[in-house]
Amino acid sequence: MSEMLLATLSNIRTVEDMVAAFRNEKHCRRLLEGMVWPNGKVCPACG
């Protein structure tokens, strides 16, 4: 996981923090993709 993603997620302590971290769809998608594919999107079949 990237350092930015870890820093963002580790700073979430309250609902207000969560709202700030997931402030818009684009940022939310980047955080989610970073959690699911920490090394970028890779095909599980062919790599």
PDB file of N, CA and C in Angstrom:
ATOM      1  N   MET A   1       0.838  -1.168   0.000  1.00  0.00           N
ATOM      2  CA  MET A   1       0.000   0.000   0.000  1.00  0.00           C
ATOM      3  C   MET A   1       0.888   1.238   0.000  1.00  0.00           C
ATOM      4  N   SER A   2       0.471   2.256  -0.718  1.00  0.00           N
ATOM      5  CA  SER A   2       1.282   3.464  -0.785  1.00  0.00           C
ATOM      6  C   SER A   2       1.288   4.181   0.560  1.00  0.00           C
ATOM      7  N   GLU A   3       2.327   4.966   0.770  1.00  0.00           N
ATOM      8  CA  GLU A   3       2.441   5.704   2.029  1.00  0.00           C
ATOM      9  C   GLU A   3       1.308   6.709   2.184  1.00  0.00           C
ATOM     10  N   MET A   4       0.889   7.345   1.065  1.00  0.00           N
ATOM     11  CA  MET A   4      -0.205   8.310   1.135  1.00  0.00           C
ATOM     12  C   MET A   4      -1.490   7.620   1.575  1.00  0.00           C
ATOM     13  N   LEU A   5      -1.755   6.449   1.012  1.00  0.00           N
ATOM     14  CA  LEU A   5      -2.963   5.708   1.358  1.00  0.00           C
ATOM     15  C   LEU A   5      -2.939   5.292   2.821  1.00  0.00           C
ATOM     16  N   LEU A   6      -1.810   4.769   3.273  1.00  0.00           N
ATOM     17  CA  LEU A   6      -1.698   4.374   4.676  1.00  0.00           C
ATOM     18  C   LEU A   6      -1.869   5.562   5.609  1.00  0.00           C
ATOM     19  N   ALA A   7      -1.279   6.690   5.258  1.00  0.00           N
ATOM     20  CA  ALA A   7      -1.406   7.885   6.092  1.00  0.00           C
ATOM     21  C   ALA A   7      -2.852   8.354   6.148  1.00  0.00           C
ATOM     22  N   THR A   8      -3.518   8.359   5.000  1.00  0.00           N
ATOM     23  CA  THR A   8      -4.915   8.794   4.946  1.00  0.00           C
ATOM     24  C   THR A   8      -5.794   7.892   5.798  1.00  0.00           C
ATOM     25  N   LEU A   9      -5.654   6.582   5.629  1.00  0.00           N
ATOM     26  CA  LEU A   9      -6.503   5.647   6.357  1.00  0.00           C
ATOM     27  C   LEU A   9      -6.180   5.610   7.846  1.00  0.00           C
ATOM     28  N   SER A  10      -4.916   5.754   8.209  1.00  0.00           N
ATOM     29  CA  SER A  10      -4.552   5.696   9.625  1.00  0.00           C
ATOM     30  C   SER A  10      -4.996   6.940  10.385  1.00  0.00           C
ATOM     31  N   ASN A  11      -5.279   8.029   9.669  1.00  0.00           N
ATOM     32  CA  ASN A  11      -5.718   9.265  10.324  1.00  0.00           C
ATOM     33  C   ASN A  11      -7.225   9.321  10.535  1.00  0.00           C
ATOM     34  N   ILE A  12      -7.961   8.326  10.061  1.00  0.00           N
ATOM     35  CA  ILE A  12      -9.419   8.328  10.235  1.00  0.00           C
ATOM     36  C   ILE A  12      -9.756   7.856  11.647  1.00  0.00           C
ATOM     37  N   ARG A  13     -10.323   8.765  12.429  1.00  0.00           N
ATOM     38  CA  ARG A  13     -10.706   8.454  13.807  1.00  0.00           C
ATOM     39  C   ARG A  13     -12.180   8.753  14.064  1.00  0.00           C
ATOM     40  N   THR A  14     -12.744   9.666  13.292  1.00  0.00           N
ATOM     41  CA  THR A  14     -14.123  10.077  13.524  1.00  0.00           C
ATOM     42  C   THR A  14     -14.884  10.065  12.199  1.00  0.00           C
ATOM     43  N   VAL A  15     -16.188  10.264  12.289  1.00  0.00           N
ATOM     44  CA  VAL A  15     -17.010  10.353  11.078  1.00  0.00           C
ATOM     45  C   VAL A  15     -16.556  11.539  10.237  1.00  0.00           C
ATOM     46  N   GLU A  16     -16.224  12.643  10.868  1.00  0.00           N
ATOM     47  CA  GLU A  16     -15.757  13.819  10.137  1.00  0.00           C
ATOM     48  C   GLU A  16     -14.474  13.518   9.383  1.00  0.00           C
ATOM     49  N   ASP A  17     -13.567  12.740   9.995  1.00  0.00           N
ATOM     50  CA  ASP A  17     -12.333  12.333   9.321  1.00  0.00           C
ATOM     51  C   ASP A  17     -12.649  11.481   8.097  1.00  0.00           C
ATOM     52  N   MET A  18     -13.626  10.591   8.238  1.00  0.00           N
ATOM     53  CA  MET A  18     -14.009   9.723   7.130  1.00  0.00           C
ATOM     54  C   MET A  18     -14.600  10.535   5.978  1.00  0.00           C
ATOM     55  N   VAL A  19     -15.449  11.488   6.314  1.00  0.00           N
ATOM     56  CA  VAL A  19     -16.041  12.344   5.289  1.00  0.00           C
ATOM     57  C   VAL A  19     -14.949  13.115   4.558  1.00  0.00           C
ATOM     58  N   ALA A  20     -13.966  13.594   5.287  1.00  0.00           N
ATOM     59  CA  ALA A  20     -12.868  14.327   4.653  1.00  0.00           C
ATOM     60  C   ALA A  20     -12.017  13.405   3.782  1.00  0.00           C
ATOM     61  N   ALA A  21     -11.758  12.175   4.240  1.00  0.00           N
ATOM     62  CA  ALA A  21     -10.927  11.239   3.484  1.00  0.00           C
ATOM     63  C   ALA A  21     -11.609  10.785   2.206  1.00  0.00           C
ATOM     64  N   PHE A  22     -12.920  10.594   2.273  1.00  0.00           N
ATOM     65  CA  PHE A  22     -13.682  10.117   1.121  1.00  0.00           C
ATOM     66  C   PHE A  22     -14.558  11.247   0.590  1.00  0.00           C
ATOM     67  N   ARG A  23     -13.925  12.395   0.357  1.00  0.00           N
ATOM     68  CA  ARG A  23     -14.651  13.636   0.074  1.00  0.00           C
ATOM     69  C   ARG A  23     -15.367  13.681  -1.259  1.00  0.00           C
ATOM     70  N   ASN A  24     -14.901  12.951  -2.239  1.00  0.00           N
ATOM     71  CA  ASN A  24     -15.595  12.923  -3.526  1.00  0.00           C
ATOM     72  C   ASN A  24     -15.382  11.568  -4.180  1.00  0.00           C
ATOM     73  N   GLU A  25     -16.115  11.296  -5.221  1.00  0.00           N
ATOM     74  CA  GLU A  25     -16.080   9.981  -5.848  1.00  0.00           C
ATOM     75  C   GLU A  25     -14.700   9.639  -6.392  1.00  0.00           C
ATOM     76  N   LYS A  26     -14.031  10.595  -7.002  1.00  0.00           N
ATOM     77  CA  LYS A  26     -12.704  10.343  -7.578  1.00  0.00           C
ATOM     78  C   LYS A  26     -11.698   9.946  -6.490  1.00  0.00           C
ATOM     79  N   HIS A  27     -11.688  10.689  -5.400  1.00  0.00           N
ATOM     80  CA  HIS A  27     -10.752  10.391  -4.314  1.00  0.00           C
ATOM     81  C   HIS A  27     -11.109   9.065  -3.646  1.00  0.00           C
ATOM     82  N   CYS A  28     -12.381   8.812  -3.453  1.00  0.00           N
ATOM     83  CA  CYS A  28     -12.840   7.562  -2.858  1.00  0.00           C
ATOM     84  C   CYS A  28     -12.402   6.375  -3.720  1.00  0.00           C
ATOM     85  N   ARG A  29     -12.575   6.502  -5.031  1.00  0.00           N
ATOM     86  CA  ARG A  29     -12.181   5.428  -5.951  1.00  0.00           C
ATOM     87  C   ARG A  29     -10.678   5.173  -5.869  1.00  0.00           C
ATOM     88  N   ARG A  30      -9.878   6.228  -5.803  1.00  0.00           N
ATOM     89  CA  ARG A  30      -8.420   6.058  -5.706  1.00  0.00           C
ATOM     90  C   ARG A  30      -8.038   5.337  -4.422  1.00  0.00           C
ATOM     91  N   LEU A  31      -8.669   5.703  -3.307  1.00  0.00           N
ATOM     92  CA  LEU A  31      -8.376   5.026  -2.040  1.00  0.00           C
ATOM     93  C   LEU A  31      -8.781   3.556  -2.092  1.00  0.00           C
ATOM     94  N   LEU A  32      -9.972   3.285  -2.611  1.00  0.00           N
ATOM     95  CA  LEU A  32     -10.452   1.907  -2.710  1.00  0.00           C
ATOM     96  C   LEU A  32      -9.560   1.072  -3.626  1.00  0.00           C
ATOM     97  N   GLU A  33      -9.213   1.607  -4.789  1.00  0.00           N
ATOM     98  CA  GLU A  33      -8.337   0.878  -5.710  1.00  0.00           C
ATOM     99  C   GLU A  33      -6.967   0.638  -5.090  1.00  0.00           C
ATOM    100  N   GLY A  34      -6.480   1.580  -4.300  1.00  0.00           N
ATOM    101  CA  GLY A  34      -5.202   1.405  -3.619  1.00  0.00           C
ATOM    102  C   GLY A  34      -5.241   0.295  -2.584  1.00  0.00           C
ATOM    103  N   MET A  35      -6.399   0.113  -1.954  1.00  0.00           N
ATOM    104  CA  MET A  35      -6.535  -0.970  -0.980  1.00  0.00           C
ATOM    105  C   MET A  35      -6.663  -2.327  -1.677  1.00  0.00           C
ATOM    106  N   VAL A  36      -7.408  -2.364  -2.768  1.00  0.00           N
ATOM    107  CA  VAL A  36      -7.638  -3.629  -3.474  1.00  0.00           C
ATOM    108  C   VAL A  36      -6.421  -4.029  -4.299  1.00  0.00           C
ATOM    109  N   TRP A  37      -5.821  -3.064  -4.987  1.00  0.00           N
ATOM    110  CA  TRP A  37      -4.663  -3.330  -5.861  1.00  0.00           C
ATOM    111  C   TRP A  37      -3.504  -2.433  -5.442  1.00  0.00           C
ATOM    112  N   PRO A  38      -2.799  -2.761  -4.365  1.00  0.00           N
ATOM    113  CA  PRO A  38      -1.734  -1.903  -3.861  1.00  0.00           C
ATOM    114  C   PRO A  38      -0.581  -1.709  -4.856  1.00  0.00           C
ATOM    115  N   ASN A  39      -0.394  -2.639  -5.765  1.00  0.00           N
ATOM    116  CA  ASN A  39       0.682  -2.532  -6.765  1.00  0.00           C
ATOM    117  C   ASN A  39       0.147  -2.181  -8.133  1.00  0.00           C
ATOM    118  N   GLY A  40      -1.052  -1.619  -8.203  1.00  0.00           N
ATOM    119  CA  GLY A  40      -1.691  -1.297  -9.471  1.00  0.00           C
ATOM    120  C   GLY A  40      -2.559  -2.458  -9.932  1.00  0.00           C
ATOM    121  N   LYS A  41      -3.433  -2.157 -10.881  1.00  0.00           N
ATOM    122  CA  LYS A  41      -4.335  -3.183 -11.384  1.00  0.00           C
ATOM    123  C   LYS A  41      -3.551  -4.203 -12.200  1.00  0.00           C
ATOM    124  N   VAL A  42      -3.700  -5.478 -11.825  1.00  0.00           N
ATOM    125  CA  VAL A  42      -2.987  -6.565 -12.502  1.00  0.00           C
ATOM    126  C   VAL A  42      -3.967  -7.701 -12.747  1.00  0.00           C
ATOM    127  N   CYS A  43      -3.958  -8.229 -13.954  1.00  0.00           N
ATOM    128  CA  CYS A  43      -4.817  -9.371 -14.294  1.00  0.00           C
ATOM    129  C   CYS A  43      -4.348 -10.598 -13.506  1.00  0.00           C
ATOM    130  N   PRO A  44      -5.236 -11.251 -12.745  1.00  0.00           N
ATOM    131  CA  PRO A  44      -4.814 -12.417 -11.969  1.00  0.00           C
ATOM    132  C   PRO A  44      -4.471 -13.615 -12.856  1.00  0.00           C
ATOM    133  N   ALA A  45      -4.981 -13.661 -14.083  1.00  0.00           N
ATOM    134  CA  ALA A  45      -4.722 -14.792 -14.979  1.00  0.00           C
ATOM    135  C   ALA A  45      -3.363 -14.668 -15.685  1.00  0.00           C
ATOM    136  N   CYS A  46      -3.084 -13.496 -16.212  1.00  0.00           N
ATOM    137  CA  CYS A  46      -1.863 -13.374 -17.038  1.00  0.00           C
ATOM    138  C   CYS A  46      -0.816 -12.450 -16.451  1.00  0.00           C
ATOM    139  N   GLY A  47      -1.188 -11.749 -15.377  1.00  0.00           N
ATOM    140  CA  GLY A  47      -0.225 -10.865 -14.749  1.00  0.00           C
ATOM    141  C   GLY A  47      -0.093  -9.577 -15.497  1.00  0.00           C
TER     142      GLY A  47
END
